[in-house]
Amino acid sequence: MKPFGKIFPLTVSEEALVIPFLPFLTKELSFIGSCTSTPASVDQLLEFAAEHGVKPVLEEFSMSVDGINAALKKLQGGKMRYRGVLKV
């Protein structure tokens, strides 16, 4: 990461967050947490994603009874690793 870079985590976890302190200190990096985002920061995020070809990782399920049940089973079992999407 370049000096003076900023990290905005986009997810939450109940587990402890371990951050290597020395690289943050020497590169003067920022770790910024917030429960909400401003419209300007969302615009910046979308611009960055578009410029760098960032795409979401999806787990797709069919929009059917079987697909919905499979998605719910995976979600309730804590096995959903990425964004679950019902596909029409």
N, C-alpha and C. Protein backbone atom coordinates (compact mmCIF):
# COMPACT_ATOMS: atom_id res chain seq x y z
N MET A 1 0.84 -1.17 0.00
CA MET A 1 0.00 0.00 0.00
C MET A 1 0.89 1.24 0.00
N LYS A 2 0.45 2.26 -0.73
CA LYS A 2 1.23 3.49 -0.82
C LYS A 2 1.18 4.26 0.50
N PRO A 3 2.21 5.07 0.76
CA PRO A 3 2.19 5.90 1.97
C PRO A 3 0.94 6.78 2.00
N PHE A 4 0.45 7.02 3.20
CA PHE A 4 -0.74 7.84 3.48
C PHE A 4 -2.03 7.21 2.95
N GLY A 5 -1.99 5.90 2.65
CA GLY A 5 -3.17 5.20 2.18
C GLY A 5 -4.21 5.08 3.28
N LYS A 6 -5.45 4.84 2.86
CA LYS A 6 -6.55 4.69 3.80
C LYS A 6 -7.25 3.36 3.55
N ILE A 7 -7.58 2.68 4.64
CA ILE A 7 -8.30 1.41 4.56
C ILE A 7 -9.67 1.62 5.19
N PHE A 8 -10.71 1.28 4.42
CA PHE A 8 -12.08 1.36 4.90
C PHE A 8 -12.64 -0.05 4.91
N PRO A 9 -12.69 -0.73 6.05
CA PRO A 9 -13.23 -2.09 6.05
C PRO A 9 -14.72 -2.07 5.69
N LEU A 10 -15.13 -3.03 4.86
CA LEU A 10 -16.51 -3.05 4.39
C LEU A 10 -17.30 -4.20 4.99
N THR A 11 -16.79 -4.78 6.04
CA THR A 11 -17.48 -5.88 6.69
C THR A 11 -17.21 -5.82 8.19
N VAL A 12 -17.93 -6.60 8.95
CA VAL A 12 -17.72 -6.65 10.39
C VAL A 12 -17.56 -8.09 10.82
N SER A 13 -16.92 -8.26 11.96
CA SER A 13 -16.72 -9.58 12.52
C SER A 13 -16.62 -9.45 14.03
N GLU A 14 -17.03 -10.48 14.73
CA GLU A 14 -16.91 -10.48 16.18
C GLU A 14 -15.50 -10.88 16.62
N GLU A 15 -14.69 -11.36 15.68
CA GLU A 15 -13.33 -11.77 16.00
C GLU A 15 -12.42 -10.55 16.16
N ALA A 16 -11.34 -10.74 16.89
CA ALA A 16 -10.37 -9.66 17.08
C ALA A 16 -9.74 -9.29 15.74
N LEU A 17 -9.52 -8.01 15.55
CA LEU A 17 -8.88 -7.51 14.35
C LEU A 17 -7.40 -7.31 14.64
N VAL A 18 -6.55 -7.99 13.90
CA VAL A 18 -5.11 -7.89 14.11
C VAL A 18 -4.53 -7.05 12.97
N ILE A 19 -3.89 -5.96 13.33
CA ILE A 19 -3.31 -5.05 12.35
C ILE A 19 -1.81 -4.93 12.62
N PRO A 20 -0.97 -5.14 11.60
CA PRO A 20 0.47 -4.98 11.80
C PRO A 20 0.79 -3.49 12.01
N PHE A 21 1.18 -3.15 13.22
CA PHE A 21 1.33 -1.74 13.59
C PHE A 21 2.49 -1.04 12.88
N LEU A 22 3.64 -1.68 12.75
CA LEU A 22 4.82 -1.00 12.19
C LEU A 22 4.59 -0.49 10.76
N PRO A 23 4.01 -1.28 9.84
CA PRO A 23 3.74 -0.73 8.50
C PRO A 23 2.78 0.46 8.53
N PHE A 24 1.81 0.42 9.45
CA PHE A 24 0.88 1.55 9.56
C PHE A 24 1.62 2.79 10.03
N LEU A 25 2.54 2.59 10.94
CA LEU A 25 3.29 3.71 11.49
C LEU A 25 4.27 4.29 10.47
N THR A 26 5.06 3.43 9.85
CA THR A 26 6.10 3.92 8.94
C THR A 26 5.55 4.50 7.64
N LYS A 27 4.42 3.98 7.17
CA LYS A 27 3.81 4.50 5.94
C LYS A 27 2.72 5.52 6.22
N GLU A 28 2.45 5.78 7.50
CA GLU A 28 1.41 6.72 7.91
C GLU A 28 0.05 6.36 7.28
N LEU A 29 -0.30 5.08 7.42
CA LEU A 29 -1.57 4.59 6.89
C LEU A 29 -2.70 4.90 7.87
N SER A 30 -3.91 4.92 7.35
CA SER A 30 -5.10 5.16 8.18
C SER A 30 -6.06 3.98 8.04
N PHE A 31 -6.62 3.58 9.15
CA PHE A 31 -7.66 2.55 9.17
C PHE A 31 -8.91 3.24 9.69
N ILE A 32 -9.93 3.35 8.84
CA ILE A 32 -11.09 4.16 9.17
C ILE A 32 -12.33 3.27 9.25
N GLY A 33 -12.93 3.22 10.42
CA GLY A 33 -14.13 2.41 10.63
C GLY A 33 -15.33 3.29 10.85
N SER A 34 -16.45 2.87 10.31
CA SER A 34 -17.68 3.62 10.46
C SER A 34 -18.85 2.68 10.21
N CYS A 35 -19.95 2.94 10.87
CA CYS A 35 -21.16 2.14 10.63
C CYS A 35 -21.89 2.61 9.39
N THR A 36 -21.63 3.82 8.95
CA THR A 36 -22.28 4.34 7.75
C THR A 36 -21.23 5.03 6.87
N SER A 37 -21.56 5.20 5.64
CA SER A 37 -20.67 5.89 4.71
C SER A 37 -21.36 7.14 4.20
N THR A 38 -20.56 8.14 3.91
CA THR A 38 -21.12 9.36 3.32
C THR A 38 -21.33 9.13 1.83
N PRO A 39 -22.23 9.86 1.20
CA PRO A 39 -22.40 9.73 -0.25
C PRO A 39 -21.10 9.98 -1.01
N ALA A 40 -20.28 10.92 -0.53
CA ALA A 40 -19.01 11.21 -1.22
C ALA A 40 -18.07 10.02 -1.14
N SER A 41 -18.00 9.35 0.01
CA SER A 41 -17.10 8.20 0.12
C SER A 41 -17.60 7.02 -0.72
N VAL A 42 -18.91 6.86 -0.84
CA VAL A 42 -19.45 5.81 -1.70
C VAL A 42 -19.11 6.12 -3.16
N ASP A 43 -19.22 7.38 -3.56
CA ASP A 43 -18.84 7.77 -4.92
C ASP A 43 -17.37 7.45 -5.19
N GLN A 44 -16.50 7.78 -4.23
CA GLN A 44 -15.07 7.49 -4.39
C GLN A 44 -14.83 5.98 -4.50
N LEU A 45 -15.52 5.21 -3.68
CA LEU A 45 -15.38 3.76 -3.71
C LEU A 45 -15.80 3.20 -5.06
N LEU A 46 -16.94 3.67 -5.58
CA LEU A 46 -17.42 3.19 -6.87
C LEU A 46 -16.50 3.61 -8.01
N GLU A 47 -15.95 4.81 -7.95
CA GLU A 47 -15.00 5.26 -8.97
C GLU A 47 -13.75 4.38 -8.94
N PHE A 48 -13.23 4.12 -7.74
CA PHE A 48 -12.04 3.27 -7.61
C PHE A 48 -12.31 1.88 -8.17
N ALA A 49 -13.47 1.31 -7.81
CA ALA A 49 -13.82 -0.03 -8.28
C ALA A 49 -13.91 -0.06 -9.80
N ALA A 50 -14.52 0.96 -10.39
CA ALA A 50 -14.66 1.02 -11.85
C ALA A 50 -13.30 1.18 -12.53
N GLU A 51 -12.44 2.03 -11.99
CA GLU A 51 -11.12 2.28 -12.59
C GLU A 51 -10.22 1.06 -12.51
N HIS A 52 -10.35 0.26 -11.46
CA HIS A 52 -9.44 -0.86 -11.24
C HIS A 52 -10.08 -2.22 -11.51
N GLY A 53 -11.28 -2.21 -12.05
CA GLY A 53 -11.94 -3.47 -12.41
C GLY A 53 -12.29 -4.35 -11.22
N VAL A 54 -12.56 -3.74 -10.07
CA VAL A 54 -12.92 -4.51 -8.88
C VAL A 54 -14.34 -5.04 -9.05
N LYS A 55 -14.50 -6.34 -8.89
CA LYS A 55 -15.80 -6.99 -9.04
C LYS A 55 -16.11 -7.76 -7.76
N PRO A 56 -17.39 -7.88 -7.41
CA PRO A 56 -17.75 -8.66 -6.21
C PRO A 56 -17.58 -10.15 -6.47
N VAL A 57 -17.32 -10.90 -5.42
CA VAL A 57 -17.30 -12.35 -5.51
C VAL A 57 -18.67 -12.82 -5.03
N LEU A 58 -19.35 -13.53 -5.89
CA LEU A 58 -20.73 -13.91 -5.62
C LEU A 58 -20.90 -15.41 -5.51
N GLU A 59 -21.85 -15.82 -4.69
CA GLU A 59 -22.35 -17.18 -4.70
C GLU A 59 -23.76 -17.07 -5.22
N GLU A 60 -24.01 -17.63 -6.40
CA GLU A 60 -25.31 -17.49 -7.04
C GLU A 60 -26.17 -18.71 -6.77
N PHE A 61 -27.44 -18.44 -6.51
CA PHE A 61 -28.43 -19.48 -6.30
C PHE A 61 -29.61 -19.17 -7.22
N SER A 62 -30.27 -20.22 -7.71
CA SER A 62 -31.41 -19.99 -8.60
C SER A 62 -32.59 -19.45 -7.82
N MET A 63 -33.39 -18.64 -8.50
CA MET A 63 -34.60 -18.07 -7.90
C MET A 63 -35.70 -19.13 -8.02
N SER A 64 -35.56 -20.15 -7.18
CA SER A 64 -36.53 -21.24 -7.13
C SER A 64 -36.62 -21.69 -5.68
N VAL A 65 -37.57 -22.53 -5.39
CA VAL A 65 -37.71 -23.03 -4.02
C VAL A 65 -36.42 -23.75 -3.60
N ASP A 66 -35.89 -24.60 -4.49
CA ASP A 66 -34.66 -25.32 -4.16
C ASP A 66 -33.48 -24.37 -3.99
N GLY A 67 -33.37 -23.37 -4.87
CA GLY A 67 -32.28 -22.41 -4.78
C GLY A 67 -32.36 -21.58 -3.51
N ILE A 68 -33.56 -21.13 -3.17
CA ILE A 68 -33.75 -20.33 -1.95
C ILE A 68 -33.45 -21.17 -0.71
N ASN A 69 -33.93 -22.41 -0.70
CA ASN A 69 -33.64 -23.29 0.44
C ASN A 69 -32.14 -23.55 0.57
N ALA A 70 -31.46 -23.75 -0.54
CA ALA A 70 -30.01 -23.97 -0.50
C ALA A 70 -29.29 -22.74 0.03
N ALA A 71 -29.71 -21.56 -0.41
CA ALA A 71 -29.09 -20.32 0.06
C ALA A 71 -29.32 -20.12 1.55
N LEU A 72 -30.54 -20.34 2.00
CA LEU A 72 -30.86 -20.18 3.42
C LEU A 72 -30.11 -21.18 4.28
N LYS A 73 -30.02 -22.42 3.81
CA LYS A 73 -29.28 -23.45 4.56
C LYS A 73 -27.81 -23.06 4.71
N LYS A 74 -27.22 -22.57 3.64
CA LYS A 74 -25.82 -22.17 3.68
C LYS A 74 -25.63 -20.95 4.58
N LEU A 75 -26.54 -20.00 4.48
CA LEU A 75 -26.46 -18.79 5.30
C LEU A 75 -26.64 -19.12 6.78
N GLN A 76 -27.67 -19.88 7.10
CA GLN A 76 -27.94 -20.23 8.50
C GLN A 76 -26.87 -21.14 9.09
N GLY A 77 -26.20 -21.90 8.25
CA GLY A 77 -25.12 -22.77 8.71
C GLY A 77 -23.78 -22.06 8.83
N GLY A 78 -23.77 -20.76 8.51
CA GLY A 78 -22.54 -19.99 8.60
C GLY A 78 -21.53 -20.34 7.51
N LYS A 79 -22.00 -20.89 6.41
CA LYS A 79 -21.11 -21.34 5.33
C LYS A 79 -21.06 -20.38 4.15
N MET A 80 -21.85 -19.30 4.18
CA MET A 80 -21.85 -18.34 3.08
C MET A 80 -20.56 -17.54 3.16
N ARG A 81 -19.69 -17.69 2.17
CA ARG A 81 -18.39 -17.04 2.22
C ARG A 81 -18.39 -15.68 1.56
N TYR A 82 -19.24 -15.50 0.60
CA TYR A 82 -19.23 -14.26 -0.17
C TYR A 82 -20.63 -13.68 -0.16
N ARG A 83 -20.97 -12.93 -1.15
CA ARG A 83 -22.31 -12.35 -1.24
C ARG A 83 -23.22 -13.36 -1.92
N GLY A 84 -24.27 -13.75 -1.23
CA GLY A 84 -25.24 -14.68 -1.79
C GLY A 84 -26.25 -13.93 -2.63
N VAL A 85 -26.49 -14.39 -3.85
CA VAL A 85 -27.38 -13.70 -4.78
C VAL A 85 -28.35 -14.73 -5.36
N LEU A 86 -29.63 -14.37 -5.35
CA LEU A 86 -30.62 -15.18 -6.03
C LEU A 86 -30.72 -14.70 -7.47
N LYS A 87 -30.45 -15.60 -8.40
CA LYS A 87 -30.40 -15.22 -9.82
C LYS A 87 -31.68 -15.63 -10.52
N VAL A 88 -32.26 -14.67 -11.22
CA VAL A 88 -33.51 -14.92 -11.96
C VAL A 88 -33.19 -15.57 -13.28
